[in-house]
Structure formats: C-alpha cells, structure tokens
Protein backbone atom coordinates (compact mmCIF):
# COMPACT_ATOMS: atom_id res chain seq x y z
CA MET A 1 -0.62 54.89 -173.03
CA SER A 2 -2.26 52.56 -170.51
CA LYS A 3 -3.82 49.24 -171.45
CA LEU A 4 -7.27 50.71 -170.81
CA ASP A 5 -6.54 53.67 -173.09
CA ASN A 6 -5.26 51.28 -175.76
CA PHE A 7 -8.47 49.27 -175.48
CA PHE A 8 -10.67 52.34 -175.85
CA TYR A 9 -8.63 53.72 -178.74
CA SER A 10 -8.88 50.38 -180.54
CA PHE A 11 -12.50 49.74 -179.61
CA LEU A 12 -13.67 53.20 -180.61
CA GLY A 13 -11.51 53.29 -183.72
CA MET A 14 -9.35 56.09 -182.38
CA GLU A 15 -5.93 54.71 -183.27
CA SER A 16 -3.27 57.30 -183.89
CA ASN A 17 -3.87 57.31 -187.66
CA ASN A 18 -7.39 58.63 -187.00
CA LEU A 19 -5.98 61.35 -184.76
CA ALA A 20 -4.24 62.90 -187.76
CA GLY A 21 -7.60 64.46 -188.72
CA ILE A 22 -7.74 66.38 -185.44
CA THR A 23 -6.04 69.60 -186.56
CA LEU A 24 -6.82 73.22 -185.86
CA HIS A 25 -7.64 73.67 -189.52
CA HIS A 26 -10.15 70.80 -189.52
CA LEU A 27 -11.64 71.94 -186.22
CA GLU A 28 -12.05 75.45 -187.59
CA GLN A 29 -13.73 74.19 -190.75
CA LYS A 30 -16.17 72.00 -188.79
CA MET A 31 -17.03 74.86 -186.43
CA LYS A 32 -17.74 77.06 -189.44
CA ASP A 33 -19.88 74.30 -190.94
CA GLU A 34 -21.78 74.10 -187.65
CA LYS A 35 -22.33 77.88 -187.69
CA PHE A 36 -20.27 78.75 -184.61
CA PRO A 37 -19.87 82.53 -184.31
CA GLU A 38 -16.64 83.60 -186.03
CA LYS A 39 -15.20 85.31 -182.92
CA LEU A 40 -15.97 82.27 -180.78
CA ILE A 41 -14.13 80.06 -183.26
CA GLU A 42 -11.14 82.36 -182.89
CA GLU A 43 -11.32 82.16 -179.08
CA ILE A 44 -11.55 78.37 -179.09
CA LEU A 45 -8.70 77.98 -181.59
CA LEU A 46 -6.53 80.39 -179.60
CA GLU A 47 -7.00 78.26 -176.48
CA PHE A 48 -6.40 75.04 -178.40
CA ASN A 49 -3.26 76.48 -180.00
CA GLN A 50 -1.89 77.30 -176.54
CA ILE A 51 -2.42 73.67 -175.51
CA ILE A 52 -0.58 72.51 -178.63
CA ASN A 53 2.30 74.88 -177.87
CA GLN A 54 2.52 73.63 -174.28
CA GLN A 55 1.93 69.91 -174.77
CA GLY A 56 2.54 69.16 -178.44
CA GLU A 57 0.14 68.22 -181.18
CA LYS A 58 -0.12 64.48 -180.38
CA SER A 59 -0.94 65.19 -176.73
CA PHE A 60 -3.50 67.77 -177.81
CA GLN A 61 -5.14 65.31 -180.19
CA LYS A 62 -5.34 62.61 -177.50
CA TRP A 63 -6.65 65.11 -174.93
CA LEU A 64 -9.35 66.36 -177.29
CA THR A 65 -10.51 62.87 -178.26
CA ASN A 66 -10.75 61.94 -174.58
CA LEU A 67 -13.09 64.81 -173.66
CA HIS A 68 -16.17 62.61 -174.03
CA TYR A 69 -18.66 65.44 -173.54
CA GLN A 70 -16.68 67.12 -170.77
CA VAL A 71 -15.95 70.82 -170.69
CA PRO A 72 -12.56 71.54 -172.27
CA ASP A 73 -10.19 72.82 -169.55
CA PRO A 74 -9.78 76.32 -171.00
CA PHE A 75 -13.54 76.86 -170.61
CA SER A 76 -14.05 75.25 -167.20
CA SER A 77 -13.81 78.56 -165.34
CA GLU A 78 -17.23 79.86 -164.36
CA LEU A 79 -16.18 83.41 -165.18
CA LYS A 80 -14.85 82.51 -168.61
CA ALA A 81 -17.96 80.46 -169.43
CA ALA A 82 -20.25 83.27 -168.25
CA ASN A 83 -18.32 85.72 -170.45
CA ILE A 84 -18.74 83.41 -173.43
CA TYR A 85 -22.46 83.28 -172.70
CA SER A 86 -22.77 87.05 -172.54
CA ASN A 87 -20.76 87.50 -175.77
CA TYR A 88 -22.65 84.82 -177.72
CA ARG A 89 -25.99 84.72 -175.91
CA ASN A 90 -28.18 84.33 -178.99
CA TRP A 91 -26.13 81.50 -180.45
CA ILE A 92 -25.90 79.68 -177.10
CA GLU A 93 -29.66 79.97 -176.53
CA ASP A 94 -30.36 78.67 -180.05
CA GLU A 95 -28.02 75.74 -179.43
CA ILE A 96 -29.69 75.02 -176.08
CA VAL A 97 -33.04 74.68 -177.84
CA LYS A 98 -31.48 72.33 -180.42
CA LEU A 99 -29.80 70.23 -177.71
CA GLU A 100 -33.05 69.91 -175.79
CA ARG A 101 -34.74 68.64 -178.95
CA GLU A 102 -31.86 66.31 -179.84
CA THR A 103 -31.51 64.77 -176.39
CA GLU A 104 -35.12 65.10 -175.22
CA LEU A 105 -33.73 66.45 -171.95
CA THR A 106 -33.97 69.95 -170.53
CA TRP A 107 -30.75 71.91 -170.31
CA GLU A 108 -31.04 71.67 -166.51
CA GLU A 109 -31.07 67.86 -166.71
CA GLN A 110 -28.09 67.95 -169.07
CA THR A 111 -26.08 70.11 -166.64
CA LYS A 112 -26.73 68.31 -163.35
CA ASP A 113 -22.99 67.69 -163.04
CA ILE A 114 -22.28 71.45 -163.06
CA GLU A 115 -25.37 72.71 -161.28
CA LEU A 116 -23.32 74.72 -158.78
CA LEU A 117 -22.34 77.17 -161.54
CA ASN A 118 -24.49 80.14 -162.48
CA ILE A 119 -27.05 79.66 -165.23
CA GLU A 120 -25.07 81.47 -167.93
CA ALA A 121 -21.91 79.46 -167.28
CA ARG A 122 -23.88 76.19 -167.22
CA LYS A 123 -25.48 76.94 -170.56
CA ALA A 124 -22.22 77.98 -172.20
CA GLN A 125 -20.38 74.93 -170.88
CA LEU A 126 -23.18 72.61 -171.99
CA VAL A 127 -23.08 73.91 -175.54
CA LEU A 128 -19.28 73.96 -175.75
CA ARG A 129 -18.77 70.46 -174.39
CA HIS A 130 -21.52 68.96 -176.52
CA ARG A 131 -20.74 70.67 -179.80
CA ILE A 132 -16.96 70.33 -179.54
CA SER A 133 -17.31 66.63 -178.69
CA GLU A 134 -19.59 66.11 -181.69
CA ILE A 135 -17.08 67.83 -183.97
CA VAL A 136 -14.25 65.64 -182.67
CA LEU A 137 -16.30 62.48 -183.15
CA ASP A 138 -17.14 63.63 -186.67
CA LEU A 139 -13.47 64.19 -187.46
CA LEU A 140 -12.55 60.74 -186.14
CA ASN A 141 -14.99 58.99 -188.48
C-alpha cells in the first residue's frame, strides 16, 4: 500500500480491521435494508464474488472501499448499465428522484462525468455508484 493510501485509510478510519465488515453477506443485508430489487442484489453479488475469486477478499475489500462514488468496474459498460436500467426501471427512477432531493442536484448534473453514455446507462450508473458507495461507507462505520 502506498504512503498516500495509508494516509487515507488512517485518516478516513479505513484500517484493515474496519475492512472486515465488507463481506458479501453484509453487503447483501444492507442492499436488502435499502430495498434494492432482489434480482439486482443477486447480479451485484455475483459480480462481486467473481472479483473475490480473481483477486482475493482483501483486494476486493480495498477495491470496494476505494470506489468513492465511482461506478464499480463490472457495471461500467454502457450496455450492461442500460440493461440494468431496463430490468429495474421503476426502482432506478425512484432512486433518481431520491438522489435529486438528497443532493439538490439534477441527475444530469450528477452525471456530467459520464454524459457521453445514453440516458438509461447514465441513470443506472448514477444510482449504482451512489448507493453502493453509501452502503460501503455505512459498513465501515
């Protein structure tokens, strides 16, 4: 781990003992608590499990805590994000409304960094990156 990473982990209280709470089981429970659609939870956990199998649990935990409101890699594809939108349209749209209220920014303002993607992909990625990051922060505290 670099000195900068060490600083951020210490400063943000994300030492390795806090990472122990970042498990698939805890993530699943928090997503259920946050009313994620059941099938979407399964899709997310499947992708996360593949990362764990490829990189190991510690690497997965560090990767997830370093997302900082970025789109998780497995969902960065425009096609995959658009498919998620079409499969969970009602939930995504409800979450968009909540995010606009919470941030006092339109969804367009919140997705300036991905404005080249189609609308459905932008909305899905916005919701995924925001809600997953919130869950991770919750689990770290």
